């Protein structure tokens, strides 16, 4: 049974909590059933990282943006879970020794530390690819959306996952020969590695809801600034955070000689930049004549996060 459509009188924080719990339970249900044909060890590696925790920000953004148009979270769920699969895949690959070489992720051993590099690589590949088939099949089965809307939404996510997005951003973040201007580099990485997927998740939900061109532009702008604020905060946390709170080892960026917002602009200026990007994200939302109260809470929530 579909949930009632959100009303402007709903408590935004309560809606966020309810939607997060809904997504978490759906992930548990998904991971509890090994689809026939997937080798058990591969499935174990995939689900290990899918259930490793986190705030489920990307699927939440997809659901909340779609709900702003009156779409039920049940109908949005296949795409929302696909967003989490793609994000999880990127984290598995990001942690590999050949990339960021991270031993911890969300307070637990990274995927490759548990399953080995080869299986971790394949688990990431599997999640990247399966995400789109899972979303396609689920969205079509719901009967709630036109084929055109489904293709548009999946196209936005595909662009964000490939060479124009996460893959390209990871190259810029890890390949010394791909570093450009020192002052522009952190912005380029933030847009292509972090903001692109956050923005795509927001846009995809809005597309399924029937957003017009101007609404799509504003949702994209919101996601871009939200993602920039997220990455700046991440750079700050790497300097100021504690492993017990962040779930990962702090100080890695500095140890690896990475060009970050903090290393280029300093800690205080980075904090100011994060506040400015947060303000710009909220400004974009304010021009949308929909129930975006829950989305409006996201910039401040992310600015104050521990991980």
C-alpha atoms as a PDB file:
ATOM      1  CA  UNK A   1       0.000   0.000   0.000  1.00  0.00           C
ATOM      2  CA  UNK A   2       1.377   3.434  -0.942  1.00  0.00           C
ATOM      3  CA  UNK A   3       2.030   5.934   1.816  1.00  0.00           C
ATOM      4  CA  UNK A   4       0.005   9.105   1.890  1.00  0.00           C
ATOM      5  CA  UNK A   5       1.451  11.959  -0.041  1.00  0.00           C
ATOM      6  CA  UNK A   6       3.392  14.396   2.154  1.00  0.00           C
ATOM      7  CA  UNK A   7       1.636  17.600   3.099  1.00  0.00           C
ATOM      8  CA  UNK A   8       3.205  20.986   3.827  1.00  0.00           C
ATOM      9  CA  UNK A   9       2.189  20.515   7.470  1.00  0.00           C
ATOM     10  CA  UNK A  10       4.331  17.400   7.974  1.00  0.00           C
ATOM     11  CA  UNK A  11       7.293  17.744  10.333  1.00  0.00           C
ATOM     12  CA  UNK A  12      10.362  17.756   8.031  1.00  0.00           C
ATOM     13  CA  UNK A  13      12.637  15.969  10.494  1.00  0.00           C
ATOM     14  CA  UNK A  14       9.984  13.324  11.169  1.00  0.00           C
ATOM     15  CA  UNK A  15       9.566  12.757   7.433  1.00  0.00           C
ATOM     16  CA  UNK A  16      13.322  12.399   6.970  1.00  0.00           C
ATOM     17  CA  UNK A  17      13.502   9.895   9.827  1.00  0.00           C
ATOM     18  CA  UNK A  18      10.551   7.899   8.501  1.00  0.00           C
ATOM     19  CA  UNK A  19      11.906   7.813   4.969  1.00  0.00           C
ATOM     20  CA  UNK A  20      15.375   6.828   6.211  1.00  0.00           C
ATOM     21  CA  UNK A  21      13.902   3.950   8.222  1.00  0.00           C
ATOM     22  CA  UNK A  22      11.820   2.909   5.209  1.00  0.00           C
ATOM     23  CA  UNK A  23      14.959   2.833   3.032  1.00  0.00           C
ATOM     24  CA  UNK A  24      16.992   0.994   5.660  1.00  0.00           C
ATOM     25  CA  UNK A  25      14.334  -1.700   6.033  1.00  0.00           C
ATOM     26  CA  UNK A  26      14.095  -2.043   2.255  1.00  0.00           C
ATOM     27  CA  UNK A  27      17.870  -2.541   2.048  1.00  0.00           C
ATOM     28  CA  UNK A  28      17.683  -5.203   4.760  1.00  0.00           C
ATOM     29  CA  UNK A  29      14.945  -6.988   2.830  1.00  0.00           C
ATOM     30  CA  UNK A  30      16.942  -6.770  -0.397  1.00  0.00           C
ATOM     31  CA  UNK A  31      20.128  -8.104   1.148  1.00  0.00           C
ATOM     32  CA  UNK A  32      18.298 -10.918   2.918  1.00  0.00           C
ATOM     33  CA  UNK A  33      17.528 -12.596  -0.402  1.00  0.00           C
ATOM     34  CA  UNK A  34      20.365 -13.816  -2.572  1.00  0.00           C
ATOM     35  CA  UNK A  35      19.025 -13.634  -6.148  1.00  0.00           C
ATOM     36  CA  UNK A  36      19.515 -16.962  -7.967  1.00  0.00           C
ATOM     37  CA  UNK A  37      22.610 -16.978 -10.131  1.00  0.00           C
ATOM     38  CA  UNK A  38      24.811 -14.658  -8.043  1.00  0.00           C
ATOM     39  CA  UNK A  39      27.728 -16.539  -6.440  1.00  0.00           C
ATOM     40  CA  UNK A  40      27.386 -16.531  -2.658  1.00  0.00           C
ATOM     41  CA  UNK A  41      30.763 -14.926  -1.988  1.00  0.00           C
ATOM     42  CA  UNK A  42      30.069 -12.137  -4.459  1.00  0.00           C
ATOM     43  CA  UNK A  43      26.689 -11.515  -2.836  1.00  0.00           C
ATOM     44  CA  UNK A  44      28.292 -11.529   0.609  1.00  0.00           C
ATOM     45  CA  UNK A  45      30.793  -8.893  -0.518  1.00  0.00           C
ATOM     46  CA  UNK A  46      28.101  -6.741  -2.136  1.00  0.00           C
ATOM     47  CA  UNK A  47      25.773  -6.856   0.861  1.00  0.00           C
ATOM     48  CA  UNK A  48      28.597  -6.391   3.391  1.00  0.00           C
ATOM     49  CA  UNK A  49      29.140  -2.876   2.094  1.00  0.00           C
ATOM     50  CA  UNK A  50      25.475  -2.134   1.380  1.00  0.00           C
ATOM     51  CA  UNK A  51      24.669  -2.802   5.034  1.00  0.00           C
ATOM     52  CA  UNK A  52      27.788  -1.168   6.500  1.00  0.00           C
ATOM     53  CA  UNK A  53      25.785   1.805   7.747  1.00  0.00           C
ATOM     54  CA  UNK A  54      25.648   5.458   6.763  1.00  0.00           C
ATOM     55  CA  UNK A  55      22.919   8.060   6.647  1.00  0.00           C
ATOM     56  CA  UNK A  56      21.456   6.894   3.287  1.00  0.00           C
ATOM     57  CA  UNK A  57      21.694  10.459   1.994  1.00  0.00           C
ATOM     58  CA  UNK A  58      21.473   9.706  -1.708  1.00  0.00           C
ATOM     59  CA  UNK A  59      18.384   7.485  -1.664  1.00  0.00           C
ATOM     60  CA  UNK A  60      16.794   9.944   0.763  1.00  0.00           C
ATOM     61  CA  UNK A  61      17.377  12.811  -1.649  1.00  0.00           C
ATOM     62  CA  UNK A  62      15.792  10.778  -4.450  1.00  0.00           C
ATOM     63  CA  UNK A  63      12.731   9.942  -2.348  1.00  0.00           C
ATOM     64  CA  UNK A  64      12.270  13.413  -0.882  1.00  0.00           C
ATOM     65  CA  UNK A  65      12.517  15.149  -4.251  1.00  0.00           C
ATOM     66  CA  UNK A  66       9.952  12.765  -5.734  1.00  0.00           C
ATOM     67  CA  UNK A  67       7.672  13.183  -2.720  1.00  0.00           C
ATOM     68  CA  UNK A  68       7.722  16.939  -3.326  1.00  0.00           C
ATOM     69  CA  UNK A  69       5.634  16.131  -6.418  1.00  0.00           C
ATOM     70  CA  UNK A  70       3.295  13.787  -4.573  1.00  0.00           C
ATOM     71  CA  UNK A  71       4.916  10.503  -5.646  1.00  0.00           C
ATOM     72  CA  UNK A  72       4.853   7.720  -3.035  1.00  0.00           C
ATOM     73  CA  UNK A  73       8.108   6.491  -1.592  1.00  0.00           C
ATOM     74  CA  UNK A  74       7.139   2.913  -2.520  1.00  0.00           C
ATOM     75  CA  UNK A  75       7.064   3.857  -6.203  1.00  0.00           C
ATOM     76  CA  UNK A  76      10.371   5.729  -5.866  1.00  0.00           C
ATOM     77  CA  UNK A  77      12.097   2.928  -3.954  1.00  0.00           C
ATOM     78  CA  UNK A  78      13.693   1.004  -6.894  1.00  0.00           C
ATOM     79  CA  UNK A  79      15.539   4.114  -8.049  1.00  0.00           C
ATOM     80  CA  UNK A  80      16.402   5.165  -4.504  1.00  0.00           C
ATOM     81  CA  UNK A  81      18.008   1.799  -3.740  1.00  0.00           C
ATOM     82  CA  UNK A  82      19.865   1.961  -7.044  1.00  0.00           C
ATOM     83  CA  UNK A  83      21.318   5.300  -5.936  1.00  0.00           C
ATOM     84  CA  UNK A  84      22.618   3.643  -2.771  1.00  0.00           C
ATOM     85  CA  UNK A  85      24.063   0.741  -4.766  1.00  0.00           C
ATOM     86  CA  UNK A  86      25.977   3.140  -6.992  1.00  0.00           C
ATOM     87  CA  UNK A  87      27.263   5.146  -4.045  1.00  0.00           C
ATOM     88  CA  UNK A  88      28.313   1.951  -2.247  1.00  0.00           C
ATOM     89  CA  UNK A  89      30.105   0.700  -5.354  1.00  0.00           C
ATOM     90  CA  UNK A  90      32.061   3.942  -5.564  1.00  0.00           C
ATOM     91  CA  UNK A  91      33.089   3.597  -1.899  1.00  0.00           C
ATOM     92  CA  UNK A  92      34.284   0.013  -2.379  1.00  0.00           C
ATOM     93  CA  UNK A  93      36.479   1.117  -5.275  1.00  0.00           C
ATOM     94  CA  UNK A  94      37.554   4.321  -3.510  1.00  0.00           C
ATOM     95  CA  UNK A  95      38.922   2.316  -0.564  1.00  0.00           C
ATOM     96  CA  UNK A  96      41.068  -0.016  -2.682  1.00  0.00           C
ATOM     97  CA  UNK A  97      44.849   0.163  -2.142  1.00  0.00           C
ATOM     98  CA  UNK A  98      45.241   1.402  -5.717  1.00  0.00           C
ATOM     99  CA  UNK A  99      42.897   4.314  -4.956  1.00  0.00           C
ATOM    100  CA  UNK A 100      42.645   5.874  -1.486  1.00  0.00           C
ATOM    101  CA  UNK A 101      43.980   2.810   0.344  1.00  0.00           C
ATOM    102  CA  UNK A 102      41.511   3.099   3.228  1.00  0.00           C
ATOM    103  CA  UNK A 103      41.448   0.362   5.868  1.00  0.00           C
ATOM    104  CA  UNK A 104      38.236   1.567   7.512  1.00  0.00           C
ATOM    105  CA  UNK A 105      34.846   2.582   6.166  1.00  0.00           C
ATOM    106  CA  UNK A 106      32.076   3.634   8.593  1.00  0.00           C
ATOM    107  CA  UNK A 107      33.961   2.120  11.484  1.00  0.00           C
ATOM    108  CA  UNK A 108      34.316  -1.303   9.862  1.00  0.00           C
ATOM    109  CA  UNK A 109      37.114  -2.920   7.826  1.00  0.00           C
ATOM    110  CA  UNK A 110      36.879  -1.895   4.186  1.00  0.00           C
ATOM    111  CA  UNK A 111      35.497  -4.419   1.721  1.00  0.00           C
ATOM    112  CA  UNK A 112      38.891  -5.402   0.325  1.00  0.00           C
ATOM    113  CA  UNK A 113      40.253  -5.921   3.851  1.00  0.00           C
ATOM    114  CA  UNK A 114      37.566  -8.556   4.419  1.00  0.00           C
ATOM    115  CA  UNK A 115      37.096 -10.145   0.996  1.00  0.00           C
ATOM    116  CA  UNK A 116      40.335  -9.332  -0.831  1.00  0.00           C
ATOM    117  CA  UNK A 117      41.013  -6.904  -3.661  1.00  0.00           C
ATOM    118  CA  UNK A 118      39.694  -9.008  -6.541  1.00  0.00           C
ATOM    119  CA  UNK A 119      36.334  -9.720  -4.938  1.00  0.00           C
ATOM    120  CA  UNK A 120      35.981  -6.127  -3.757  1.00  0.00           C
ATOM    121  CA  UNK A 121      36.594  -4.887  -7.291  1.00  0.00           C
ATOM    122  CA  UNK A 122      34.005  -7.279  -8.692  1.00  0.00           C
ATOM    123  CA  UNK A 123      31.483  -6.442  -5.955  1.00  0.00           C
ATOM    124  CA  UNK A 124      31.783  -2.774  -6.856  1.00  0.00           C
ATOM    125  CA  UNK A 125      31.386  -3.547 -10.560  1.00  0.00           C
ATOM    126  CA  UNK A 126      28.365  -5.742  -9.835  1.00  0.00           C
ATOM    127  CA  UNK A 127      26.626  -3.059  -7.777  1.00  0.00           C
ATOM    128  CA  UNK A 128      27.325  -0.382 -10.395  1.00  0.00           C
ATOM    129  CA  UNK A 129      25.796  -2.445 -13.189  1.00  0.00           C
ATOM    130  CA  UNK A 130      22.995  -4.202 -11.340  1.00  0.00           C
ATOM    131  CA  UNK A 131      21.748  -0.900  -9.930  1.00  0.00           C
ATOM    132  CA  UNK A 132      20.385   0.163 -13.301  1.00  0.00           C
ATOM    133  CA  UNK A 133      18.682  -3.116 -14.129  1.00  0.00           C
ATOM    134  CA  UNK A 134      17.197  -3.247 -10.625  1.00  0.00           C
ATOM    135  CA  UNK A 135      15.833   0.291 -11.011  1.00  0.00           C
ATOM    136  CA  UNK A 136      14.575  -0.278 -14.562  1.00  0.00           C
ATOM    137  CA  UNK A 137      12.678  -3.443 -13.660  1.00  0.00           C
ATOM    138  CA  UNK A 138      11.216  -2.019 -10.468  1.00  0.00           C
ATOM    139  CA  UNK A 139      10.105   1.275 -11.965  1.00  0.00           C
ATOM    140  CA  UNK A 140       8.441  -0.430 -14.919  1.00  0.00           C
ATOM    141  CA  UNK A 141       6.716  -2.945 -12.654  1.00  0.00           C
ATOM    142  CA  UNK A 142       5.200  -0.181 -10.520  1.00  0.00           C
ATOM    143  CA  UNK A 143       3.304   1.246 -13.498  1.00  0.00           C
ATOM    144  CA  UNK A 144       3.519   4.687 -11.917  1.00  0.00           C
ATOM    145  CA  UNK A 145       5.821   6.309 -14.477  1.00  0.00           C
ATOM    146  CA  UNK A 146       6.075   6.723 -18.222  1.00  0.00           C
ATOM    147  CA  UNK A 147       8.892   4.982 -20.050  1.00  0.00           C
ATOM    148  CA  UNK A 148      10.212   8.410 -21.041  1.00  0.00           C
ATOM    149  CA  UNK A 149      10.445   9.552 -17.404  1.00  0.00           C
ATOM    150  CA  UNK A 150      12.186   6.328 -16.415  1.00  0.00           C
ATOM    151  CA  UNK A 151      14.743   6.718 -19.219  1.00  0.00           C
ATOM    152  CA  UNK A 152      15.339  10.363 -18.304  1.00  0.00           C
ATOM    153  CA  UNK A 153      15.854   9.578 -14.625  1.00  0.00           C
ATOM    154  CA  UNK A 154      18.168   6.641 -15.331  1.00  0.00           C
ATOM    155  CA  UNK A 155      20.092   8.747 -17.841  1.00  0.00           C
ATOM    156  CA  UNK A 156      20.870  11.393 -15.235  1.00  0.00           C
ATOM    157  CA  UNK A 157      22.168   8.742 -12.841  1.00  0.00           C
ATOM    158  CA  UNK A 158      24.173   7.040 -15.607  1.00  0.00           C
ATOM    159  CA  UNK A 159      25.899  10.296 -16.508  1.00  0.00           C
ATOM    160  CA  UNK A 160      26.762  10.862 -12.849  1.00  0.00           C
ATOM    161  CA  UNK A 161      28.251   7.378 -12.477  1.00  0.00           C
ATOM    162  CA  UNK A 162      30.471   7.353 -15.553  1.00  0.00           C
ATOM    163  CA  UNK A 163      33.428   9.269 -16.993  1.00  0.00           C
ATOM    164  CA  UNK A 164      31.609  12.594 -16.763  1.00  0.00           C
ATOM    165  CA  UNK A 165      30.996  12.012 -13.048  1.00  0.00           C
ATOM    166  CA  UNK A 166      32.305   9.652 -10.384  1.00  0.00           C
ATOM    167  CA  UNK A 167      34.875   7.858 -12.557  1.00  0.00           C
ATOM    168  CA  UNK A 168      36.289  11.096 -13.887  1.00  0.00           C
ATOM    169  CA  UNK A 169      36.269  12.632 -10.425  1.00  0.00           C
ATOM    170  CA  UNK A 170      38.143   9.683  -8.983  1.00  0.00           C
ATOM    171  CA  UNK A 171      40.851  10.142 -11.614  1.00  0.00           C
ATOM    172  CA  UNK A 172      41.190  13.815 -10.715  1.00  0.00           C
ATOM    173  CA  UNK A 173      41.376  12.902  -7.030  1.00  0.00           C
ATOM    174  CA  UNK A 174      43.971  10.125  -7.289  1.00  0.00           C
ATOM    175  CA  UNK A 175      46.043  10.701 -10.452  1.00  0.00           C
ATOM    176  CA  UNK A 176      48.869  13.246  -9.941  1.00  0.00           C
ATOM    177  CA  UNK A 177      49.131  13.810 -13.700  1.00  0.00           C
ATOM    178  CA  UNK A 178      45.490  14.970 -13.818  1.00  0.00           C
ATOM    179  CA  UNK A 179      45.851  17.799 -11.299  1.00  0.00           C
ATOM    180  CA  UNK A 180      45.071  21.230 -12.702  1.00  0.00           C
ATOM    181  CA  UNK A 181      45.210  24.689 -11.146  1.00  0.00           C
ATOM    182  CA  UNK A 182      45.774  24.351  -7.405  1.00  0.00           C
ATOM    183  CA  UNK A 183      42.966  26.746  -6.476  1.00  0.00           C
ATOM    184  CA  UNK A 184      40.498  25.272  -8.955  1.00  0.00           C
ATOM    185  CA  UNK A 185      41.350  21.628  -8.312  1.00  0.00           C
ATOM    186  CA  UNK A 186      39.330  21.124  -5.090  1.00  0.00           C
ATOM    187  CA  UNK A 187      36.249  22.602  -6.784  1.00  0.00           C
ATOM    188  CA  UNK A 188      36.663  20.357  -9.828  1.00  0.00           C
ATOM    189  CA  UNK A 189      36.989  17.251  -7.664  1.00  0.00           C
ATOM    190  CA  UNK A 190      34.034  18.287  -5.492  1.00  0.00           C
ATOM    191  CA  UNK A 191      31.770  18.790  -8.497  1.00  0.00           C
ATOM    192  CA  UNK A 192      32.733  15.638 -10.384  1.00  0.00           C
ATOM    193  CA  UNK A 193      33.335  13.187  -7.549  1.00  0.00           C
ATOM    194  CA  UNK A 194      30.777  14.221  -4.937  1.00  0.00           C
ATOM    195  CA  UNK A 195      28.250  16.809  -6.082  1.00  0.00           C
ATOM    196  CA  UNK A 196      27.441  15.070  -9.369  1.00  0.00           C
ATOM    197  CA  UNK A 197      25.802  12.026  -7.744  1.00  0.00           C
ATOM    198  CA  UNK A 198      24.014  14.022  -5.044  1.00  0.00           C
ATOM    199  CA  UNK A 199      22.611  16.314  -7.705  1.00  0.00           C
ATOM    200  CA  UNK A 200      21.638  13.381  -9.926  1.00  0.00           C
ATOM    201  CA  UNK A 201      19.725  11.702  -7.090  1.00  0.00           C
ATOM    202  CA  UNK A 202      17.750  14.903  -6.475  1.00  0.00           C
ATOM    203  CA  UNK A 203      17.080  15.400 -10.177  1.00  0.00           C
ATOM    204  CA  UNK A 204      16.072  11.776 -10.758  1.00  0.00           C
ATOM    205  CA  UNK A 205      13.352  11.878  -8.105  1.00  0.00           C
ATOM    206  CA  UNK A 206      12.059  15.173  -9.479  1.00  0.00           C
ATOM    207  CA  UNK A 207      12.024  13.801 -13.033  1.00  0.00           C
ATOM    208  CA  UNK A 208       9.905  10.846 -11.961  1.00  0.00           C
ATOM    209  CA  UNK A 209       7.609  13.360 -10.276  1.00  0.00           C
ATOM    210  CA  UNK A 210       7.145  15.251 -13.542  1.00  0.00           C
ATOM    211  CA  UNK A 211       9.330  18.298 -12.876  1.00  0.00           C
ATOM    212  CA  UNK A 212       9.407  20.939 -15.595  1.00  0.00           C
ATOM    213  CA  UNK A 213      12.642  22.356 -17.073  1.00  0.00           C
ATOM    214  CA  UNK A 214      12.962  25.222 -14.580  1.00  0.00           C
ATOM    215  CA  UNK A 215      12.226  22.962 -11.633  1.00  0.00           C
ATOM    216  CA  UNK A 216      14.815  20.481 -12.865  1.00  0.00           C
ATOM    217  CA  UNK A 217      17.362  23.290 -13.144  1.00  0.00           C
ATOM    218  CA  UNK A 218      16.678  24.447  -9.587  1.00  0.00           C
ATOM    219  CA  UNK A 219      16.841  20.918  -8.174  1.00  0.00           C
ATOM    220  CA  UNK A 220      20.141  20.404 -10.023  1.00  0.00           C
ATOM    221  CA  UNK A 221      21.486  23.691  -8.637  1.00  0.00           C
ATOM    222  CA  UNK A 222      20.444  22.659  -5.144  1.00  0.00           C
ATOM    223  CA  UNK A 223      22.251  19.336  -5.542  1.00  0.00           C
ATOM    224  CA  UNK A 224      25.398  20.972  -6.946  1.00  0.00           C
ATOM    225  CA  UNK A 225      25.771  23.359  -4.009  1.00  0.00           C
ATOM    226  CA  UNK A 226      24.781  20.675  -1.510  1.00  0.00           C
ATOM    227  CA  UNK A 227      27.474  18.412  -2.937  1.00  0.00           C
ATOM    228  CA  UNK A 228      30.108  21.149  -2.787  1.00  0.00           C
ATOM    229  CA  UNK A 229      29.234  21.836   0.851  1.00  0.00           C
ATOM    230  CA  UNK A 230      29.381  18.090   1.530  1.00  0.00           C
ATOM    231  CA  UNK A 231      32.890  17.746   0.048  1.00  0.00           C
ATOM    232  CA  UNK A 232      34.219  20.824   1.840  1.00  0.00           C
ATOM    233  CA  UNK A 233      32.851  19.448   5.110  1.00  0.00           C
ATOM    234  CA  UNK A 234      34.509  16.120   4.315  1.00  0.00           C
ATOM    235  CA  UNK A 235      37.864  17.853   3.862  1.00  0.00           C
ATOM    236  CA  UNK A 236      37.374  19.656   7.164  1.00  0.00           C
ATOM    237  CA  UNK A 237      36.437  16.424   8.957  1.00  0.00           C
ATOM    238  CA  UNK A 238      39.634  14.782   7.664  1.00  0.00           C
ATOM    239  CA  UNK A 239      41.551  17.436   9.624  1.00  0.00           C
ATOM    240  CA  UNK A 240      39.368  17.848  12.706  1.00  0.00           C
ATOM    241  CA  UNK A 241      37.520  14.510  12.995  1.00  0.00           C
ATOM    242  CA  UNK A 242      38.128  11.517  15.242  1.00  0.00           C
ATOM    243  CA  UNK A 243      38.053   7.932  13.996  1.00  0.00           C
ATOM    244  CA  UNK A 244      35.607   6.960  16.747  1.00  0.00           C
ATOM    245  CA  UNK A 245      33.091   9.474  15.379  1.00  0.00           C
ATOM    246  CA  UNK A 246      33.839   9.541  11.658  1.00  0.00           C
ATOM    247  CA  UNK A 247      34.276   5.803  11.154  1.00  0.00           C
ATOM    248  CA  UNK A 248      37.437   6.309   9.123  1.00  0.00           C
ATOM    249  CA  UNK A 249      41.040   7.220   9.791  1.00  0.00           C
ATOM    250  CA  UNK A 250      41.524  11.029   9.855  1.00  0.00           C
ATOM    251  CA  UNK A 251      44.510  12.808   8.357  1.00  0.00           C
ATOM    252  CA  UNK A 252      44.706  10.588   5.270  1.00  0.00           C
ATOM    253  CA  UNK A 253      44.377  13.479   2.807  1.00  0.00           C
ATOM    254  CA  UNK A 254      47.366  15.264   4.278  1.00  0.00           C
ATOM    255  CA  UNK A 255      49.410  12.060   4.506  1.00  0.00           C
ATOM    256  CA  UNK A 256      48.735  11.364   0.818  1.00  0.00           C
ATOM    257  CA  UNK A 257      49.510  14.939  -0.180  1.00  0.00           C
ATOM    258  CA  UNK A 258      46.041  15.550  -1.604  1.00  0.00           C
ATOM    259  CA  UNK A 259      44.957  18.989  -2.737  1.00  0.00           C
ATOM    260  CA  UNK A 260      41.882  19.765  -0.631  1.00  0.00           C
ATOM    261  CA  UNK A 261      39.870  22.823   0.332  1.00  0.00           C
ATOM    262  CA  UNK A 262      41.697  22.911   3.664  1.00  0.00           C
ATOM    263  CA  UNK A 263      45.189  22.494   2.206  1.00  0.00           C
ATOM    264  CA  UNK A 264      44.571  25.221  -0.388  1.00  0.00           C
ATOM    265  CA  UNK A 265      42.427  27.747   1.463  1.00  0.00           C
ATOM    266  CA  UNK A 266      43.010  26.956   5.135  1.00  0.00           C
ATOM    267  CA  UNK A 267      40.621  25.623   7.757  1.00  0.00           C
ATOM    268  CA  UNK A 268      38.731  28.830   8.534  1.00  0.00           C
ATOM    269  CA  UNK A 269      38.210  29.786   4.890  1.00  0.00           C
ATOM    270  CA  UNK A 270      37.054  26.249   4.138  1.00  0.00           C
ATOM    271  CA  UNK A 271      34.464  26.566   6.908  1.00  0.00           C
ATOM    272  CA  UNK A 272      33.282  29.861   5.393  1.00  0.00           C
ATOM    273  CA  UNK A 273      33.046  28.245   1.945  1.00  0.00           C
ATOM    274  CA  UNK A 274      30.963  25.394   3.358  1.00  0.00           C
ATOM    275  CA  UNK A 275      28.560  27.898   4.911  1.00  0.00           C
ATOM    276  CA  UNK A 276      28.310  29.805   1.625  1.00  0.00           C
ATOM    277  CA  UNK A 277      27.569  26.660  -0.400  1.00  0.00           C
ATOM    278  CA  UNK A 278      24.971  25.659   2.181  1.00  0.00           C
ATOM    279  CA  UNK A 279      23.309  29.046   1.812  1.00  0.00           C
ATOM    280  CA  UNK A 280      23.317  28.789  -1.988  1.00  0.00           C
ATOM    281  CA  UNK A 281      21.724  25.328  -1.812  1.00  0.00           C
ATOM    282  CA  UNK A 282      18.932  26.667   0.383  1.00  0.00           C
ATOM    283  CA  UNK A 283      18.462  29.643  -1.948  1.00  0.00           C
ATOM    284  CA  UNK A 284      17.905  27.339  -4.938  1.00  0.00           C
ATOM    285  CA  UNK A 285      15.240  25.418  -3.029  1.00  0.00           C
ATOM    286  CA  UNK A 286      13.462  28.581  -1.956  1.00  0.00           C
ATOM    287  CA  UNK A 287      12.554  29.270  -5.598  1.00  0.00           C
ATOM    288  CA  UNK A 288      10.764  25.911  -5.965  1.00  0.00           C
ATOM    289  CA  UNK A 289       7.030  26.123  -5.343  1.00  0.00           C
ATOM    290  CA  UNK A 290       6.705  22.607  -3.965  1.00  0.00           C
ATOM    291  CA  UNK A 291       6.760  20.997  -0.540  1.00  0.00           C
ATOM    292  CA  UNK A 292      10.549  20.966  -0.132  1.00  0.00           C
ATOM    293  CA  UNK A 293      10.617  21.511   3.639  1.00  0.00           C
ATOM    294  CA  UNK A 294      12.412  18.208   4.284  1.00  0.00           C
ATOM    295  CA  UNK A 295      15.001  18.914   1.590  1.00  0.00           C
ATOM    296  CA  UNK A 296      15.611  22.329   3.137  1.00  0.00           C
ATOM    297  CA  UNK A 297      16.942  20.631   6.259  1.00  0.00           C
ATOM    298  CA  UNK A 298      19.612  18.703   4.389  1.00  0.00           C
ATOM    299  CA  UNK A 299      22.277  21.406   3.930  1.00  0.00           C
ATOM    300  CA  UNK A 300      22.420  22.151   7.651  1.00  0.00           C
ATOM    301  CA  UNK A 301      22.295  18.446   8.542  1.00  0.00           C
ATOM    302  CA  UNK A 302      25.267  17.698   6.312  1.00  0.00           C
ATOM    303  CA  UNK A 303      27.228  20.724   7.515  1.00  0.00           C
ATOM    304  CA  UNK A 304      27.081  19.354  11.048  1.00  0.00           C
ATOM    305  CA  UNK A 305      27.666  15.680  10.274  1.00  0.00           C
ATOM    306  CA  UNK A 306      30.421  13.567  11.767  1.00  0.00           C
ATOM    307  CA  UNK A 307      30.698  11.309   8.716  1.00  0.00           C
END
